[in-house]
Protein backbone atom coordinates (compact mmCIF):
# COMPACT_ATOMS: atom_id res chain seq x y z
CA MET A 1 -0.30 0.05 -0.18
CA SER A 2 1.67 3.36 -0.81
CA ALA A 3 2.17 5.95 1.99
CA LEU A 4 -0.68 8.25 3.15
CA THR A 5 -0.24 11.96 1.72
CA ARG A 6 -1.78 15.08 2.51
CA GLU A 7 -2.18 15.26 -0.96
CA ALA A 8 -4.22 11.90 -1.73
CA VAL A 9 -6.66 13.06 1.80
CA GLU A 10 -7.19 16.57 -0.17
CA ASN A 11 -8.01 15.26 -3.67
CA ALA A 12 -10.53 12.59 -2.25
CA LEU A 13 -12.38 15.36 -0.30
CA SER A 14 -11.88 17.72 -3.74
CA HIS A 15 -14.33 14.85 -5.51
CA TRP A 16 -16.59 14.55 -3.00
CA ILE A 17 -19.63 16.91 -2.47
CA GLU A 18 -21.45 17.92 0.55
CA PRO A 19 -25.22 17.56 0.03
CA SER A 20 -25.82 21.08 2.11
CA LEU A 21 -22.98 23.13 0.27
CA GLY A 22 -23.48 21.63 -2.82
CA THR A 23 -19.81 21.69 -3.31
CA ASP A 24 -16.45 19.90 -1.85
CA LEU A 25 -15.09 20.87 0.97
CA VAL A 26 -11.89 22.01 -0.41
CA SER A 27 -13.48 24.42 -2.80
CA ALA A 28 -15.68 25.81 -0.06
CA GLY A 29 -12.69 26.35 2.19
CA ALA A 30 -13.89 23.99 4.88
CA LEU A 31 -10.63 22.01 5.04
CA GLU A 32 -8.76 23.43 7.97
CA ASP A 33 -6.18 20.49 8.76
CA VAL A 34 -5.15 17.48 7.97
CA ARG A 35 -2.54 15.16 9.74
CA ILE A 36 -0.87 11.97 8.91
CA ASP A 37 -0.31 9.66 11.74
CA GLY A 38 1.17 6.45 9.93
CA ASP A 39 -1.72 4.66 8.75
CA ALA A 40 -4.43 7.30 10.46
CA VAL A 41 -5.73 10.60 8.97
CA HIS A 42 -7.02 13.35 11.23
CA VAL A 43 -9.06 15.63 9.22
CA ALA A 44 -10.09 19.14 11.16
CA LEU A 45 -13.30 20.78 9.21
CA ARG A 46 -14.56 24.39 10.03
CA LEU A 47 -17.94 25.26 8.39
CA GLY A 48 -19.78 28.25 7.76
CA PHE A 49 -23.36 27.05 9.09
CA PRO A 50 -24.61 25.15 12.22
CA VAL A 51 -23.94 21.28 12.19
CA ASP A 52 -24.85 19.99 15.97
CA HIS A 53 -27.15 17.61 14.42
CA TYR A 54 -25.89 16.91 11.17
CA ARG A 55 -22.07 16.38 12.62
CA PRO A 56 -22.02 12.07 13.25
CA ALA A 57 -23.70 11.97 9.54
CA LEU A 58 -20.97 14.25 8.25
CA GLU A 59 -18.25 12.80 10.27
CA ARG A 60 -19.22 9.32 8.64
CA ALA A 61 -19.69 10.52 5.37
CA VAL A 62 -15.96 12.27 5.49
CA SER A 63 -14.47 9.31 7.06
CA ASP A 64 -16.03 6.68 4.29
CA CYS A 65 -14.78 9.50 1.52
CA VAL A 66 -11.11 9.31 2.65
CA ARG A 67 -11.08 5.54 3.57
CA GLU A 68 -11.94 4.47 0.10
CA ALA A 69 -10.46 7.21 -1.98
CA ALA A 70 -6.84 7.64 0.19
CA GLY A 71 -6.62 4.07 1.51
CA ALA A 72 -6.72 5.21 4.92
CA GLU A 73 -6.71 2.32 7.69
CA ARG A 74 -7.99 4.79 10.28
CA VAL A 75 -9.98 8.18 9.38
CA GLU A 76 -10.74 11.06 12.68
CA VAL A 77 -12.72 13.47 11.48
CA ALA A 78 -13.04 16.87 13.89
CA ILE A 79 -15.83 19.44 12.96
CA ASP A 80 -16.23 22.92 14.22
CA TRP A 81 -18.43 25.72 13.12
CA ALA A 82 -18.74 29.38 13.13
CA ILE A 83 -21.35 31.78 11.76
CA SER A 84 -20.55 35.17 10.67
CA ALA A 85 -22.41 37.95 9.28
CA ARG A 86 -22.97 38.21 5.17
CA GLN A 87 -23.31 40.59 2.86
CA VAL A 88 -26.68 42.63 2.69
CA GLN A 89 -27.96 45.31 0.69
CA ALA A 90 -25.53 48.08 -0.64
CA THR A 91 -26.92 50.97 1.57
CA LEU A 92 -27.41 49.08 4.68
CA LYS A 93 -25.39 46.98 7.60
CA PRO A 94 -26.48 43.90 9.32
CA LEU A 95 -27.45 44.78 12.88
CA ASP A 96 -25.51 44.66 15.91
CA ASN A 97 -27.49 41.76 17.55
CA ILE A 98 -28.22 39.84 14.47
CA ARG A 99 -25.53 38.38 12.45
CA ASN A 100 -27.84 37.47 9.34
CA ILE A 101 -31.67 38.10 8.20
CA ILE A 102 -33.20 35.18 6.13
CA ALA A 103 -36.47 36.65 4.36
CA VAL A 104 -39.08 33.81 4.08
CA ALA A 105 -41.28 34.55 1.05
CA SER A 106 -44.04 33.59 -0.88
CA ALA A 107 -45.85 35.74 -3.73
CA LYS A 108 -49.09 33.63 -3.19
CA GLY A 109 -51.22 32.68 0.02
CA GLY A 110 -51.85 29.06 0.84
CA VAL A 111 -48.63 27.68 0.01
CA GLY A 112 -47.57 27.05 3.57
CA LYS A 113 -45.05 29.80 4.10
CA SER A 114 -45.42 30.58 7.64
CA THR A 115 -45.55 26.77 8.85
CA THR A 116 -42.33 26.28 6.45
CA ALA A 117 -40.79 29.60 8.11
CA ALA A 118 -41.40 27.80 11.62
CA ASN A 119 -39.84 24.73 11.05
CA LEU A 120 -36.83 26.08 9.17
CA ALA A 121 -36.28 28.15 12.38
CA LEU A 122 -36.42 25.53 14.69
CA ALA A 123 -34.18 23.52 12.43
CA LEU A 124 -31.79 25.88 12.79
CA ALA A 125 -31.87 26.44 16.19
CA GLY A 126 -31.75 22.47 16.62
CA GLU A 127 -28.21 22.28 14.74
CA GLY A 128 -27.09 24.94 17.28
CA ALA A 129 -27.90 28.11 16.34
CA ARG A 130 -29.06 31.08 18.01
CA VAL A 131 -32.51 31.94 16.16
CA GLY A 132 -35.28 33.97 16.06
CA ILE A 133 -38.14 34.47 14.16
CA LEU A 134 -40.25 37.76 13.20
CA ASP A 135 -43.73 37.53 12.24
CA ALA A 136 -44.07 40.04 9.82
CA ASP A 137 -47.56 39.28 8.20
CA ILE A 138 -49.49 41.71 9.93
CA TYR A 139 -52.45 41.26 8.65
CA GLY A 140 -52.62 37.35 9.68
CA PRO A 141 -49.88 37.10 12.36
CA SER A 142 -49.89 32.93 12.58
CA GLN A 143 -46.28 32.38 14.46
CA PRO A 144 -47.67 32.70 18.11
CA ARG A 145 -50.07 30.10 17.85
CA MET A 146 -47.54 27.92 15.62
CA MET A 147 -44.56 28.50 18.14
CA GLY A 148 -46.56 27.97 21.47
CA VAL A 149 -46.36 30.72 22.47
CA ALA A 150 -50.40 32.61 21.76
CA GLY A 151 -51.78 34.55 24.82
CA ARG A 152 -48.53 35.47 26.01
CA LYS A 153 -47.34 39.24 26.42
CA PRO A 154 -43.74 40.51 25.79
CA ASP A 155 -42.35 42.26 28.73
CA SER A 156 -41.24 45.99 28.04
CA PRO A 157 -38.85 46.95 30.60
CA ASP A 158 -38.58 50.62 29.30
CA GLY A 159 -41.88 51.43 27.67
CA LYS A 160 -40.27 51.42 24.22
CA THR A 161 -38.34 48.22 23.84
CA MET A 162 -39.07 44.41 24.43
CA HIS A 163 -38.15 41.46 25.25
CA PRO A 164 -39.21 38.61 22.68
CA LEU A 165 -40.68 35.57 24.01
CA GLU A 166 -39.16 32.12 23.65
CA ASN A 167 -40.17 28.67 23.07
CA HIS A 168 -38.40 25.49 21.72
CA GLY A 169 -35.01 27.41 21.99
CA VAL A 170 -36.51 29.88 19.44
CA GLN A 171 -36.95 33.75 20.09
CA VAL A 172 -40.29 35.04 18.90
CA MET A 173 -41.52 38.67 17.81
CA SER A 174 -45.14 39.38 16.44
CA ILE A 175 -47.71 41.89 16.08
CA GLY A 176 -49.79 39.01 17.34
CA PHE A 177 -48.72 39.56 20.71
CA LEU A 178 -50.13 43.16 21.03
CA ILE A 179 -53.56 42.88 19.79
CA GLU A 180 -56.58 40.05 20.22
CA GLU A 181 -55.77 37.11 17.93
CA ASP A 182 -59.26 37.23 16.46
CA SER A 183 -59.08 41.32 15.89
CA PRO A 184 -58.96 42.30 12.19
CA MET A 185 -55.69 44.61 11.43
CA VAL A 186 -57.20 47.25 9.31
CA TRP A 187 -54.05 49.33 8.66
CA ARG A 188 -53.15 51.12 5.19
CA GLY A 189 -49.53 50.34 4.18
CA PRO A 190 -47.75 53.03 5.93
CA MET A 191 -49.04 51.71 8.90
CA VAL A 192 -47.68 48.58 8.26
CA THR A 193 -44.42 48.73 6.85
CA GLN A 194 -43.43 51.31 10.54
CA ALA A 195 -45.08 48.70 12.62
CA LEU A 196 -42.80 45.94 10.66
CA THR A 197 -39.26 48.28 11.04
CA GLN A 198 -40.75 48.79 14.85
CA LEU A 199 -40.89 45.35 15.76
CA LEU A 200 -37.41 44.46 14.19
CA ASN A 201 -35.56 47.61 15.55
CA ASP A 202 -37.42 47.77 18.97
CA THR A 203 -36.86 44.02 19.70
CA ARG A 204 -34.10 43.08 22.46
CA TRP A 205 -32.90 40.50 19.98
CA GLU A 206 -29.96 38.45 22.30
CA ALA A 207 -27.26 37.54 19.95
CA LEU A 208 -28.70 35.84 16.90
CA ASP A 209 -27.09 33.98 14.12
CA TYR A 210 -30.11 33.93 12.34
CA LEU A 211 -33.38 35.81 12.53
CA VAL A 212 -36.15 34.34 10.43
CA ILE A 213 -38.90 37.06 9.04
CA ASP A 214 -42.04 35.51 8.06
CA LEU A 215 -42.75 37.96 5.32
CA PRO A 216 -46.81 38.14 3.90
CA PRO A 217 -48.06 37.09 0.86
CA GLY A 218 -47.36 39.22 -1.91
CA THR A 219 -44.97 42.11 -3.70
CA GLY A 220 -45.87 44.66 -2.30
CA ASP A 221 -45.47 47.59 0.81
CA ILE A 222 -44.32 45.23 3.26
CA GLN A 223 -41.34 43.79 0.68
CA LEU A 224 -40.47 46.85 -0.46
CA THR A 225 -39.69 48.03 3.06
CA LEU A 226 -38.07 45.12 3.70
CA SER A 227 -35.92 45.61 1.03
CA GLN A 228 -35.03 49.36 1.66
CA LYS A 229 -34.69 49.54 5.29
CA VAL A 230 -33.73 46.02 6.63
CA PRO A 231 -30.65 44.39 5.92
CA VAL A 232 -31.42 40.94 4.50
CA ALA A 233 -28.73 38.52 3.72
CA GLY A 234 -31.08 36.36 1.39
CA ALA A 235 -34.80 35.36 0.85
CA VAL A 236 -36.28 31.90 0.32
CA VAL A 237 -39.09 31.72 -1.76
CA VAL A 238 -41.64 28.96 -1.09
CA THR A 239 -44.26 27.52 -3.38
CA THR A 240 -45.99 24.47 -4.01
CA PRO A 241 -45.75 22.73 -7.21
CA GLN A 242 -48.57 23.90 -9.29
CA ASP A 243 -48.40 26.21 -12.36
CA ILE A 244 -50.57 29.13 -10.75
CA ALA A 245 -48.30 28.80 -7.26
CA THR A 246 -44.89 29.12 -9.58
CA LEU A 247 -45.91 31.51 -11.62
CA ASP A 248 -46.48 33.91 -8.74
CA ALA A 249 -43.16 32.48 -7.22
CA ARG A 250 -41.24 33.67 -10.29
CA LYS A 251 -42.36 37.07 -9.53
CA GLY A 252 -41.10 36.80 -6.00
CA VAL A 253 -37.52 35.96 -7.14
CA ARG A 254 -37.45 38.68 -9.43
CA MET A 255 -38.99 41.08 -7.14
CA PHE A 256 -35.82 39.91 -4.68
CA GLU A 257 -33.15 40.28 -7.70
CA LYS A 258 -34.46 43.73 -8.55
CA VAL A 259 -33.68 45.15 -5.18
CA LYS A 260 -30.72 43.59 -4.82
CA VAL A 261 -31.58 40.76 -2.06
CA PRO A 262 -29.84 37.10 -2.69
CA VAL A 263 -32.34 34.37 -3.90
CA LEU A 264 -30.99 31.44 -1.72
CA GLY A 265 -33.43 29.08 -3.30
CA ILE A 266 -36.94 28.00 -3.95
CA LEU A 267 -38.32 25.50 -1.25
CA GLU A 268 -41.24 23.34 -2.71
CA ASN A 269 -43.83 22.54 -0.46
CA MET A 270 -46.65 20.43 -0.54
CA SER A 271 -44.83 18.23 -3.36
CA LEU A 272 -45.70 14.51 -2.57
CA HIS A 273 -48.82 13.14 -0.24
CA VAL A 274 -48.71 9.99 1.29
CA CYS A 275 -51.94 8.57 2.38
CA SER A 276 -51.48 7.83 6.11
CA GLN A 277 -53.91 4.68 5.94
CA CYS A 278 -52.49 2.81 2.87
CA GLY A 279 -49.32 4.52 2.25
CA HIS A 280 -50.05 5.57 -1.23
CA GLU A 281 -48.19 8.35 -2.96
CA GLU A 282 -49.68 10.79 -4.85
CA HIS A 283 -48.52 14.42 -6.29
CA VAL A 284 -51.79 16.25 -5.62
CA PHE A 285 -50.23 19.54 -6.81
CA GLY A 286 -48.43 18.18 -9.82
CA ALA A 287 -44.85 17.48 -9.62
CA GLY A 288 -41.53 18.95 -10.38
CA GLY A 289 -42.61 22.67 -10.30
CA GLY A 290 -40.45 24.01 -7.82
CA GLU A 291 -37.49 22.18 -9.71
CA ARG A 292 -38.35 23.70 -12.80
CA LEU A 293 -38.75 27.25 -11.47
CA ALA A 294 -35.45 26.60 -9.75
CA GLU A 295 -33.48 26.14 -13.03
CA GLN A 296 -35.28 28.50 -15.08
CA GLU A 297 -34.20 31.33 -12.58
CA GLY A 298 -31.09 30.09 -12.01
CA VAL A 299 -31.51 29.18 -8.33
CA GLU A 300 -31.30 26.49 -5.82
CA LEU A 301 -33.77 24.01 -4.99
CA LEU A 302 -33.41 24.06 -1.48
CA GLY A 303 -35.77 20.59 -0.74
CA SER A 304 -39.25 19.57 -1.68
CA LEU A 305 -41.74 18.75 1.65
CA PRO A 306 -44.34 16.51 1.92
CA LEU A 307 -48.36 17.43 2.45
CA GLU A 308 -49.17 15.55 5.54
CA ILE A 309 -52.00 15.95 7.87
CA GLY A 310 -49.23 15.81 10.93
CA ILE A 311 -47.47 18.61 9.56
CA ARG A 312 -50.87 21.02 9.99
CA GLU A 313 -51.80 19.92 12.95
CA HIS A 314 -48.36 19.96 14.67
CA ALA A 315 -48.27 23.51 13.89
CA ASP A 316 -51.85 24.60 15.22
CA SER A 317 -50.74 23.11 18.44
CA GLY A 318 -48.25 25.01 18.96
CA GLU A 319 -45.49 22.24 18.49
CA PRO A 320 -44.26 22.00 14.49
CA THR A 321 -42.98 19.16 13.41
CA VAL A 322 -39.59 19.57 14.01
CA VAL A 323 -39.76 19.44 17.59
CA SER A 324 -42.75 16.98 18.08
CA GLU A 325 -41.43 14.14 16.00
CA PRO A 326 -37.77 15.14 15.07
CA GLN A 327 -37.15 11.45 14.00
CA SER A 328 -40.04 11.68 11.44
CA PRO A 329 -38.90 11.99 7.75
CA ALA A 330 -40.93 15.06 7.39
CA ALA A 331 -38.63 16.62 10.36
CA GLU A 332 -35.71 15.29 8.48
CA ARG A 333 -36.55 17.05 5.35
CA TYR A 334 -37.17 20.32 7.14
CA ARG A 335 -33.12 19.97 8.56
CA GLU A 336 -31.73 19.35 5.03
CA ALA A 337 -33.72 22.41 3.54
CA ALA A 338 -32.39 24.41 6.81
CA ARG A 339 -28.71 23.44 6.20
CA ARG A 340 -29.28 24.11 2.67
CA THR A 341 -30.35 27.40 3.11
CA ALA A 342 -27.58 28.42 5.97
CA ALA A 343 -24.75 26.69 3.67
CA LEU A 344 -25.77 28.28 0.96
CA LEU A 345 -26.03 31.57 3.25
CA SER A 346 -22.31 31.03 4.43
CA ARG A 347 -21.29 30.98 0.75
CA GLN A 348 -22.22 34.35 0.23
CA ASP A 349 -19.77 37.36 0.73
CA PRO A 350 -19.02 38.24 4.04
CA ASP A 351 -20.07 41.67 5.61
CA GLY A 352 -17.94 44.21 4.51
CA ALA A 353 -16.39 42.62 1.31
CA SER A 354 -15.65 45.14 -1.47
CA ARG A 355 -18.75 45.84 -3.52
CA PHE A 356 -16.72 47.70 -6.01
CA PRO A 357 -15.33 45.69 -9.38
CA ASN A 358 -11.92 45.11 -9.72
CA ILE A 359 -10.30 47.55 -12.29
CA VAL A 360 -7.75 46.38 -14.41
CA VAL A 361 -5.60 48.79 -16.51
CA ASP A 362 -4.36 47.72 -19.66
CA ASP A 363 -0.93 49.61 -20.86
CA ASN A 364 -1.41 48.07 -24.53
């Protein structure tokens, strides 16, 4: 057997695609160190997204890759991660106590955006990140109920700012805390956008890695305010597979592109229904719509989520699927989508990176 070398290990890892990043660990800059000790290899990785839950599976995958491709007898893998602020719109900068804001949007109502946002936030928290969720759907706030904090009121120590409520390890703020659950919000656009900015800026968020903003459907006032006044690092567009939904989702993708907010990808919800009685699988809303949209718009497909009665029941009860049934296939799909979202965000330019193009002067 030929002697192990660092080059052989790096070559092995350069040909293995990490699913969340969508690229190899070497190109992603995640390979921090390789040490050879006889027939043993020690690999140190440092990632830019949280992997507490994912760590054992990733360790096994990297170990198998190095063992098979490089011929190592024993492989030890050490994985560390740290989240840093990514670049936002050119006229804004990240907030001091929030490293990254992720907007979860849909240009059409009824696609399960709020349920998806709640489960994504919980999945990121389950991976070890400090996460908050801001319910920006002023006209129909649903996060208090979904996150299990309905009926509670946030504390205001000074009459000007509020502490977010917390449940399942996620900080939560919503206009729903300040009004009765069945009270209609009869507000014009300027009042709505003012409420959004106040909820964001007057909440005492505690050192968040990610703030997930659950946007209302559409491409109107709130979305425009978000792009102009809120430092958003990336957006996720939720759709269902059918044409009428993907047509609207396409508008959402292009809206974010126009306002210079990176679209991290498309998340297809209700992609497949599995009968709880007989196990029959059926594409109730069609198949492949989210994948086609992602390909046509040049963005990533973050995942495909199932249509299951349990997902709705868990959200209604205040314990979304990721926390109520963490071992279920549906919960794992949410975790995969959340890791993919965070991993793609980690590949964006860091905060403070130059926004100016390189200028090359040719003397010829």
